[in-house]
């Protein structure tokens, strides 16, 4: 199907969805009867009728569409007795029934015009649910999607269903059923016709969202995106440079930035992707295969990028074991190592002065709401396995930082990793 026709279908679907929502709201409020609803739906969806809306061009008109009857049944059968619900619950039901009807309508419309694939398109912001975040970008064959939604009795699948399947975060799309929105009440996620992106980066991220291994050209596109990123602002760049210049053996910001560029251009770099536990953004991790010796221990230069927000989160040496914790599915979501790890796993069991020095920076990060705190939270949790062997002077420095965090920042965040971090600190006080 031609790309301009796909864009037109999106516009048509958006226009009709707003009219459909208005009809459902009128029906729910008792302003129109079931027969009036049926008549209005017939007019809205019977696209070959002489009184049809002009939003659909004549060259795209098909035979009379019985879809209105299917949507009529959906609305009248799933809508509860109005007196049983509060006004806010009624509004939630209206939004969700409308979303289900819109998905049904779009599948029928896309299929009749030759669309073969649909993509889940979520609104990604601070209130996006785990369900929608996991399903965002998933691509399904339209035939399988239509069969699945037509056989689904419930308006939405239960929360237990999603939790039992870990929201499908680590399940390749090829291994799951074609679940389509709405995924929950008041769901904002929709489906759109899928067309292969012309931009290499977009194509790479489509593969990531569906947990399909990235190809060499996809990896190049992601790395090129990272090469064009900067720290959030000049002040953040300055702060990170000052914190890590000695260990990274650089004397200027220019040298610090060149070190990062050299890492991104290195053929021996290691690359991974994950959805951050902290801010739930798509996060890129790139680390060196070259050892940096600090305190007689092996470290590797690590750069962390926020792909959604388009900036560098941090760049400094970390131990391999701590880097690899970013690909633990108990910490982050939708994790993917997109290159084979080129670093031989070392035996870095000892917490060093450098580790504690980096952990002390977390106070600055928490004060400034800097996402670099996440890596130090992960590192601090890793100390627990070595706690009895940490030298007393370093242990006291760790506990001093812990106490300040508990006093000032215990309630700063509520995401699971942070709660685990705070609970861990409390055990030592």
Protein backbone atom coordinates (compact mmCIF):
# COMPACT_ATOMS: atom_id res chain seq x y z
CA UNK A 1 0.00 0.00 0.00
CA UNK A 2 1.25 3.48 -0.87
CA UNK A 3 2.64 5.54 2.01
CA UNK A 4 0.39 8.55 1.32
CA UNK A 5 -2.69 6.29 1.51
CA UNK A 6 -1.50 4.97 4.87
CA UNK A 7 -1.16 8.50 6.21
CA UNK A 8 -4.65 9.29 4.92
CA UNK A 9 -6.05 6.22 6.67
CA UNK A 10 -4.51 7.40 9.93
CA UNK A 11 -6.18 10.79 9.52
CA UNK A 12 -9.55 9.22 8.71
CA UNK A 13 -9.35 6.84 11.67
CA UNK A 14 -8.49 9.70 14.03
CA UNK A 15 -11.42 11.76 12.80
CA UNK A 16 -13.91 8.90 13.12
CA UNK A 17 -12.62 7.89 16.55
CA UNK A 18 -13.53 11.30 17.97
CA UNK A 19 -17.02 11.06 16.47
CA UNK A 20 -17.39 7.53 17.85
CA UNK A 21 -16.36 8.62 21.35
CA UNK A 22 -18.96 11.38 21.24
CA UNK A 23 -21.66 8.87 20.23
CA UNK A 24 -20.74 6.53 23.08
CA UNK A 25 -20.80 9.43 25.53
CA UNK A 26 -24.28 10.46 24.34
CA UNK A 27 -25.52 6.89 24.67
CA UNK A 28 -23.99 6.49 28.13
CA UNK A 29 -25.58 9.71 29.35
CA UNK A 30 -28.99 8.60 28.06
CA UNK A 31 -29.21 11.35 25.44
CA UNK A 32 -29.73 8.87 22.61
CA UNK A 33 -31.48 5.50 22.55
CA UNK A 34 -30.10 2.19 21.30
CA UNK A 35 -31.98 2.59 18.03
CA UNK A 36 -30.58 6.10 17.58
CA UNK A 37 -27.10 4.76 18.36
CA UNK A 38 -27.54 2.04 15.73
CA UNK A 39 -28.68 4.56 13.16
CA UNK A 40 -25.80 6.92 13.91
CA UNK A 41 -23.24 4.11 13.69
CA UNK A 42 -24.74 2.94 10.40
CA UNK A 43 -24.37 6.45 9.01
CA UNK A 44 -20.82 6.74 10.33
CA UNK A 45 -19.56 3.42 8.96
CA UNK A 46 -21.69 2.77 5.85
CA UNK A 47 -19.13 4.40 3.62
CA UNK A 48 -20.91 3.88 0.28
CA UNK A 49 -24.08 5.61 1.46
CA UNK A 50 -24.95 8.81 -0.42
CA UNK A 51 -24.89 10.72 2.86
CA UNK A 52 -21.50 9.41 3.88
CA UNK A 53 -18.88 11.74 5.33
CA UNK A 54 -16.65 13.39 2.75
CA UNK A 55 -13.53 12.58 4.76
CA UNK A 56 -13.10 9.37 2.76
CA UNK A 57 -12.15 9.93 -0.89
CA UNK A 58 -14.34 8.29 -3.51
CA UNK A 59 -11.46 6.18 -4.82
CA UNK A 60 -11.16 4.56 -1.38
CA UNK A 61 -14.85 3.77 -0.88
CA UNK A 62 -15.68 0.09 -0.47
CA UNK A 63 -18.93 -1.85 -0.33
CA UNK A 64 -21.42 -1.14 2.49
CA UNK A 65 -19.66 -1.87 5.75
CA UNK A 66 -21.45 -4.05 8.36
CA UNK A 67 -18.83 -3.04 10.91
CA UNK A 68 -21.30 -0.65 12.55
CA UNK A 69 -23.31 -3.64 13.79
CA UNK A 70 -20.26 -5.20 15.37
CA UNK A 71 -19.39 -1.95 17.15
CA UNK A 72 -23.03 -1.44 18.16
CA UNK A 73 -22.98 -4.86 19.84
CA UNK A 74 -19.69 -4.03 21.54
CA UNK A 75 -21.07 -0.79 22.98
CA UNK A 76 -24.45 -2.08 24.11
CA UNK A 77 -23.28 -5.44 25.47
CA UNK A 78 -20.20 -4.29 27.38
CA UNK A 79 -21.58 -1.07 28.83
CA UNK A 80 -22.78 -1.65 32.41
CA UNK A 81 -25.91 -0.31 34.06
CA UNK A 82 -25.19 3.36 34.59
CA UNK A 83 -26.62 3.46 38.09
CA UNK A 84 -23.99 0.97 39.29
CA UNK A 85 -21.03 3.27 38.64
CA UNK A 86 -19.72 6.64 39.75
CA UNK A 87 -19.43 9.38 37.09
CA UNK A 88 -15.65 8.91 36.88
CA UNK A 89 -16.10 5.16 36.38
CA UNK A 90 -18.63 5.78 33.64
CA UNK A 91 -16.18 8.11 31.91
CA UNK A 92 -13.46 5.45 32.19
CA UNK A 93 -15.78 2.89 30.62
CA UNK A 94 -16.69 5.31 27.83
CA UNK A 95 -13.02 5.88 27.00
CA UNK A 96 -12.22 2.18 27.06
CA UNK A 97 -15.22 1.00 25.05
CA UNK A 98 -14.43 3.72 22.53
CA UNK A 99 -10.81 2.59 22.33
CA UNK A 100 -11.85 -1.04 21.77
CA UNK A 101 -14.33 0.03 19.08
CA UNK A 102 -11.70 2.18 17.41
CA UNK A 103 -9.25 -0.73 17.33
CA UNK A 104 -11.92 -2.99 15.83
CA UNK A 105 -12.83 -0.36 13.25
CA UNK A 106 -9.23 0.32 12.29
CA UNK A 107 -8.45 -3.36 11.80
CA UNK A 108 -11.44 -3.71 9.47
CA UNK A 109 -10.61 -0.52 7.60
CA UNK A 110 -6.90 -1.31 7.21
CA UNK A 111 -7.58 -4.88 6.13
CA UNK A 112 -10.08 -3.83 3.45
CA UNK A 113 -7.42 -1.56 1.97
CA UNK A 114 -4.61 -4.06 1.83
CA UNK A 115 -2.66 -3.23 5.00
CA UNK A 116 -0.80 -6.37 6.10
CA UNK A 117 0.86 -5.25 9.34
CA UNK A 118 -0.19 -3.03 12.24
CA UNK A 119 1.98 -1.48 14.93
CA UNK A 120 1.14 -0.69 18.53
CA UNK A 121 1.63 3.02 19.16
CA UNK A 122 1.69 4.07 22.83
CA UNK A 123 1.92 7.56 24.27
CA UNK A 124 5.27 7.48 26.08
CA UNK A 125 5.43 9.80 29.08
CA UNK A 126 5.71 9.68 32.86
CA UNK A 127 2.30 8.00 33.32
CA UNK A 128 2.65 5.31 30.64
CA UNK A 129 1.88 1.90 32.17
CA UNK A 130 4.22 -1.10 32.08
CA UNK A 131 1.73 -2.84 29.80
CA UNK A 132 1.74 -0.10 27.18
CA UNK A 133 5.48 0.49 27.49
CA UNK A 134 6.19 -3.18 26.83
CA UNK A 135 3.75 -3.42 23.92
CA UNK A 136 4.80 -0.12 22.31
CA UNK A 137 6.28 -0.69 18.87
CA UNK A 138 5.11 -4.30 18.59
CA UNK A 139 4.23 -5.31 15.03
CA UNK A 140 1.50 -7.86 14.29
CA UNK A 141 0.05 -9.42 11.16
CA UNK A 142 -3.38 -7.93 10.66
CA UNK A 143 -5.11 -11.29 10.16
CA UNK A 144 -3.87 -12.65 13.48
CA UNK A 145 -4.71 -9.38 15.20
CA UNK A 146 -8.28 -9.39 13.88
CA UNK A 147 -8.86 -12.99 14.97
CA UNK A 148 -7.49 -12.29 18.43
CA UNK A 149 -9.57 -9.20 19.19
CA UNK A 150 -12.76 -10.79 17.80
CA UNK A 151 -12.31 -13.79 20.11
CA UNK A 152 -11.58 -11.68 23.20
CA UNK A 153 -14.67 -11.59 25.42
CA UNK A 154 -13.45 -9.20 28.09
CA UNK A 155 -13.10 -5.50 27.34
CA UNK A 156 -9.53 -5.57 28.64
CA UNK A 157 -7.31 -8.37 29.93
CA UNK A 158 -6.88 -8.47 33.71
CA UNK A 159 -3.86 -7.03 35.50
CA UNK A 160 -3.09 -10.55 36.72
CA UNK A 161 -2.78 -11.73 33.12
CA UNK A 162 -0.10 -9.14 32.41
CA UNK A 163 1.74 -9.68 35.67
CA UNK A 164 1.81 -13.46 35.23
CA UNK A 165 3.44 -12.92 31.83
CA UNK A 166 5.84 -10.26 33.16
CA UNK A 167 4.13 -7.84 30.75
CA UNK A 168 5.87 -9.76 27.91
CA UNK A 169 8.86 -7.43 28.38
CA UNK A 170 11.34 -10.16 27.46
CA UNK A 171 9.13 -12.07 25.03
CA UNK A 172 9.83 -11.60 21.32
CA UNK A 173 6.74 -10.49 19.42
CA UNK A 174 6.96 -13.62 17.29
CA UNK A 175 6.29 -15.68 20.43
CA UNK A 176 3.20 -13.89 21.74
CA UNK A 177 -0.41 -13.61 20.64
CA UNK A 178 -1.48 -10.47 18.81
CA UNK A 179 -2.74 -8.58 21.86
CA UNK A 180 -4.08 -5.19 20.85
CA UNK A 181 -5.24 -2.11 22.77
CA UNK A 182 -6.97 -1.10 24.87
CA UNK A 183 -4.78 -2.87 27.40
CA UNK A 184 -6.40 -1.35 30.48
CA UNK A 185 -9.08 1.18 31.38
CA UNK A 186 -8.41 4.68 30.02
CA UNK A 187 -5.74 3.22 27.74
CA UNK A 188 -4.32 5.80 25.33
CA UNK A 189 -2.51 3.28 23.13
CA UNK A 190 -3.69 2.81 19.54
CA UNK A 191 -2.75 0.83 16.44
CA UNK A 192 -1.43 2.30 13.22
CA UNK A 193 -0.63 0.77 9.82
CA UNK A 194 2.98 -0.37 9.76
CA UNK A 195 5.32 0.76 7.04
CA UNK A 196 9.04 -0.01 6.99
CA UNK A 197 10.83 3.13 8.21
CA UNK A 198 13.10 4.83 5.73
CA UNK A 199 15.31 6.11 8.55
CA UNK A 200 17.85 3.44 9.63
CA UNK A 201 17.58 4.43 13.31
CA UNK A 202 13.79 4.00 13.32
CA UNK A 203 14.15 0.61 11.65
CA UNK A 204 16.70 -0.40 14.29
CA UNK A 205 14.40 0.62 17.14
CA UNK A 206 11.49 -1.28 15.55
CA UNK A 207 13.63 -4.41 15.75
CA UNK A 208 14.50 -3.65 19.38
CA UNK A 209 10.85 -3.08 20.37
CA UNK A 210 10.01 -6.49 18.93
CA UNK A 211 13.10 -8.13 20.46
CA UNK A 212 14.58 -9.05 17.10
CA UNK A 213 18.38 -9.12 17.07
CA UNK A 214 19.83 -6.00 15.47
CA UNK A 215 21.76 -6.27 12.23
CA UNK A 216 25.09 -4.55 11.59
CA UNK A 217 23.40 -1.62 9.86
CA UNK A 218 20.99 -1.29 12.78
CA UNK A 219 23.87 -1.17 15.25
CA UNK A 220 25.58 1.49 13.15
CA UNK A 221 22.40 3.58 13.17
CA UNK A 222 22.07 3.42 16.96
CA UNK A 223 25.74 4.28 17.49
CA UNK A 224 25.46 7.19 15.03
CA UNK A 225 22.55 8.51 17.08
CA UNK A 226 24.74 8.33 20.20
CA UNK A 227 27.56 10.16 18.41
CA UNK A 228 25.23 13.11 17.92
CA UNK A 229 24.26 13.34 21.59
CA UNK A 230 25.63 15.69 24.24
CA UNK A 231 25.22 15.85 27.99
CA UNK A 232 21.92 17.42 29.07
CA UNK A 233 23.63 20.82 29.32
CA UNK A 234 27.08 22.37 29.57
CA UNK A 235 26.95 22.30 33.38
CA UNK A 236 26.33 18.53 33.44
CA UNK A 237 29.25 17.95 31.10
CA UNK A 238 31.48 20.06 33.35
CA UNK A 239 30.34 18.22 36.48
CA UNK A 240 30.95 14.76 35.05
CA UNK A 241 34.33 15.79 33.67
CA UNK A 242 35.47 17.14 37.05
CA UNK A 243 34.26 14.02 38.87
CA UNK A 244 36.07 11.56 36.61
CA UNK A 245 38.98 13.34 34.93
CA UNK A 246 41.68 11.85 37.17
CA UNK A 247 40.64 8.21 36.73
CA UNK A 248 40.11 8.71 33.00
CA UNK A 249 43.45 10.52 32.67
CA UNK A 250 42.11 13.55 30.83
CA UNK A 251 43.01 17.18 31.44
CA UNK A 252 40.25 18.97 29.54
CA UNK A 253 36.64 18.64 28.51
CA UNK A 254 37.82 18.28 24.94
CA UNK A 255 39.93 15.24 25.87
CA UNK A 256 37.02 13.79 27.85
CA UNK A 257 34.68 14.13 24.86
CA UNK A 258 37.30 12.69 22.49
CA UNK A 259 37.63 9.67 24.75
CA UNK A 260 33.90 9.10 24.41
CA UNK A 261 34.00 9.50 20.63
CA UNK A 262 36.88 7.02 20.43
CA UNK A 263 34.83 4.51 22.42
CA UNK A 264 31.84 4.90 20.10
CA UNK A 265 34.07 4.43 17.04
CA UNK A 266 35.95 1.45 18.46
CA UNK A 267 35.34 -1.88 16.71
CA UNK A 268 35.76 -3.57 20.11
CA UNK A 269 32.95 -1.74 21.90
CA UNK A 270 30.16 -3.63 23.64
CA UNK A 271 26.55 -2.49 23.25
CA UNK A 272 23.26 -3.14 25.02
CA UNK A 273 19.78 -1.66 25.32
CA UNK A 274 17.24 -1.61 28.14
CA UNK A 275 14.29 0.36 29.48
CA UNK A 276 15.64 2.13 32.55
CA UNK A 277 14.18 1.23 35.95
CA UNK A 278 14.53 4.86 37.04
CA UNK A 279 12.96 6.94 34.29
CA UNK A 280 11.61 4.17 32.02
CA UNK A 281 13.37 5.60 28.99
CA UNK A 282 15.04 3.56 26.26
CA UNK A 283 18.65 3.51 27.43
CA UNK A 284 21.79 2.65 25.47
CA UNK A 285 24.88 1.23 27.19
CA UNK A 286 28.26 1.20 25.43
CA UNK A 287 31.39 0.00 27.20
CA UNK A 288 34.98 -0.58 26.21
CA UNK A 289 36.78 -3.91 25.94
CA UNK A 290 40.03 -2.25 26.99
CA UNK A 291 40.87 -2.63 30.68
CA UNK A 292 41.42 0.47 32.80
CA UNK A 293 43.36 -0.44 35.96
CA UNK A 294 42.23 1.40 39.10
CA UNK A 295 43.15 0.36 42.65
CA UNK A 296 44.61 -2.84 41.15
CA UNK A 297 41.18 -3.79 39.82
CA UNK A 298 39.84 -4.02 36.26
CA UNK A 299 37.39 -1.36 35.06
CA UNK A 300 35.90 -0.51 31.67
CA UNK A 301 34.85 2.87 30.36
CA UNK A 302 31.04 2.96 30.25
CA UNK A 303 28.81 5.48 28.46
CA UNK A 304 25.06 5.60 29.13
CA UNK A 305 22.63 7.40 26.79
CA UNK A 306 18.93 8.23 27.06
CA UNK A 307 17.55 7.56 23.58
CA UNK A 308 14.10 9.02 24.30
CA UNK A 309 15.51 12.23 25.76
CA UNK A 310 18.48 12.39 23.41
CA UNK A 311 21.32 13.07 25.85
CA UNK A 312 24.30 11.42 27.56
CA UNK A 313 23.54 10.31 31.11
CA UNK A 314 27.09 9.48 32.21
CA UNK A 315 30.54 8.39 31.10
CA UNK A 316 33.09 6.87 33.49
CA UNK A 317 34.80 3.56 34.37
CA UNK A 318 32.84 0.75 36.04
CA UNK A 319 33.49 -2.90 36.84
CA UNK A 320 32.20 -5.43 34.35
CA UNK A 321 29.99 -7.17 36.93
CA UNK A 322 28.25 -3.88 37.68
CA UNK A 323 27.85 -3.03 33.99
CA UNK A 324 26.26 -6.40 33.34
CA UNK A 325 23.67 -5.83 36.07
CA UNK A 326 22.03 -3.42 33.62
CA UNK A 327 20.98 -6.51 31.66
CA UNK A 328 19.40 -8.22 34.63
CA UNK A 329 15.66 -8.43 33.94
CA UNK A 330 14.99 -8.00 37.66
CA UNK A 331 16.45 -4.49 37.38
CA UNK A 332 15.66 -3.13 33.92
CA UNK A 333 13.08 -4.16 31.32
CA UNK A 334 13.26 -5.20 27.67
CA UNK A 335 16.98 -5.80 27.98
CA UNK A 336 19.03 -6.75 24.95
CA UNK A 337 22.75 -7.21 24.48
CA UNK A 338 23.09 -6.31 20.86
CA UNK A 339 26.75 -7.26 20.49
CA UNK A 340 28.48 -10.31 21.96
CA UNK A 341 30.35 -9.34 25.12
CA UNK A 342 33.98 -8.90 24.03
CA UNK A 343 35.26 -8.70 27.61
CA UNK A 344 36.43 -11.80 29.44
CA UNK A 345 34.59 -11.90 32.76
CA UNK A 346 37.02 -10.86 35.50
CA UNK A 347 37.09 -11.68 39.18
CA UNK A 348 36.54 -8.23 40.71
CA UNK A 349 35.20 -9.05 44.14
CA UNK A 350 36.77 -6.25 46.13
CA UNK A 351 35.09 -2.89 46.73
CA UNK A 352 37.80 -0.30 46.17
CA UNK A 353 38.40 3.30 47.14
CA UNK A 354 37.42 4.30 43.61
CA UNK A 355 34.08 2.50 43.93
CA UNK A 356 33.28 4.35 47.15
CA UNK A 357 34.50 7.63 45.66
CA UNK A 358 31.96 7.18 42.83
CA UNK A 359 29.22 6.18 45.27
CA UNK A 360 29.76 9.43 47.20
CA UNK A 361 28.79 11.33 44.05
CA UNK A 362 25.27 9.96 44.40
CA UNK A 363 24.51 12.73 46.86
CA UNK A 364 25.05 15.28 44.10
CA UNK A 365 23.02 13.21 41.66
CA UNK A 366 20.06 12.88 44.03
CA UNK A 367 20.15 16.56 44.92
CA UNK A 368 20.15 17.56 41.25
CA UNK A 369 17.81 14.78 40.07
CA UNK A 370 20.58 13.52 37.80
CA UNK A 371 19.80 10.09 36.24
CA UNK A 372 23.45 9.13 36.79
CA UNK A 373 22.28 8.11 40.28
CA UNK A 374 20.87 4.88 38.82
CA UNK A 375 24.25 3.34 38.06
CA UNK A 376 25.46 4.13 41.58
CA UNK A 377 22.32 2.61 43.08
CA UNK A 378 23.04 -0.59 41.15
CA UNK A 379 26.67 -0.51 42.29
CA UNK A 380 25.72 0.03 45.93
CA UNK A 381 23.36 -2.94 45.84
CA UNK A 382 26.20 -5.07 44.47
CA UNK A 383 28.29 -4.26 47.58
CA UNK A 384 26.00 -6.43 49.69
CA UNK A 385 27.56 -9.64 48.40
CA UNK A 386 30.97 -8.37 49.50
CA UNK A 387 29.96 -6.49 52.64
CA UNK A 388 31.92 -8.57 55.16
CA UNK A 389 35.12 -8.16 53.16
CA UNK A 390 34.96 -4.40 52.65
CA UNK A 391 37.72 -2.61 54.62
CA UNK A 392 36.36 -0.77 57.66
CA UNK A 393 37.42 2.69 56.49
CA UNK A 394 35.57 2.25 53.20
CA UNK A 395 32.60 0.70 54.94
CA UNK A 396 32.29 3.74 57.20
CA UNK A 397 32.32 6.06 54.18
CA UNK A 398 29.59 3.98 52.54
CA UNK A 399 27.47 4.06 55.69
CA UNK A 400 27.92 7.82 55.99
CA UNK A 401 26.51 8.29 52.51
CA UNK A 402 23.73 5.81 53.27
CA UNK A 403 22.68 7.81 56.32
CA UNK A 404 22.45 11.08 54.40
CA UNK A 405 20.35 9.38 51.72
CA UNK A 406 17.99 7.96 54.35
CA UNK A 407 17.72 11.32 56.08
CA UNK A 408 17.15 13.41 52.95
CA UNK A 409 16.09 11.23 50.05
CA UNK A 410 14.37 8.10 51.37
CA UNK A 411 11.04 9.13 49.83
CA UNK A 412 12.40 10.84 46.72
CA UNK A 413 11.35 8.05 44.32
CA UNK A 414 8.90 5.16 44.45
CA UNK A 415 10.04 2.91 41.60
CA UNK A 416 10.88 -0.69 42.66
CA UNK A 417 14.67 -0.51 42.28
CA UNK A 418 14.83 2.60 44.45
CA UNK A 419 12.63 1.02 47.11
CA UNK A 420 14.95 -2.01 47.20
CA UNK A 421 17.91 0.36 47.50
CA UNK A 422 16.38 2.24 50.44
CA UNK A 423 15.38 -1.00 52.19
CA UNK A 424 18.94 -2.26 51.80
CA UNK A 425 20.39 0.91 53.35
CA UNK A 426 18.03 0.67 56.31
CA UNK A 427 19.37 -2.79 57.20
CA UNK A 428 22.75 -1.27 58.06
CA UNK A 429 21.53 1.63 60.21
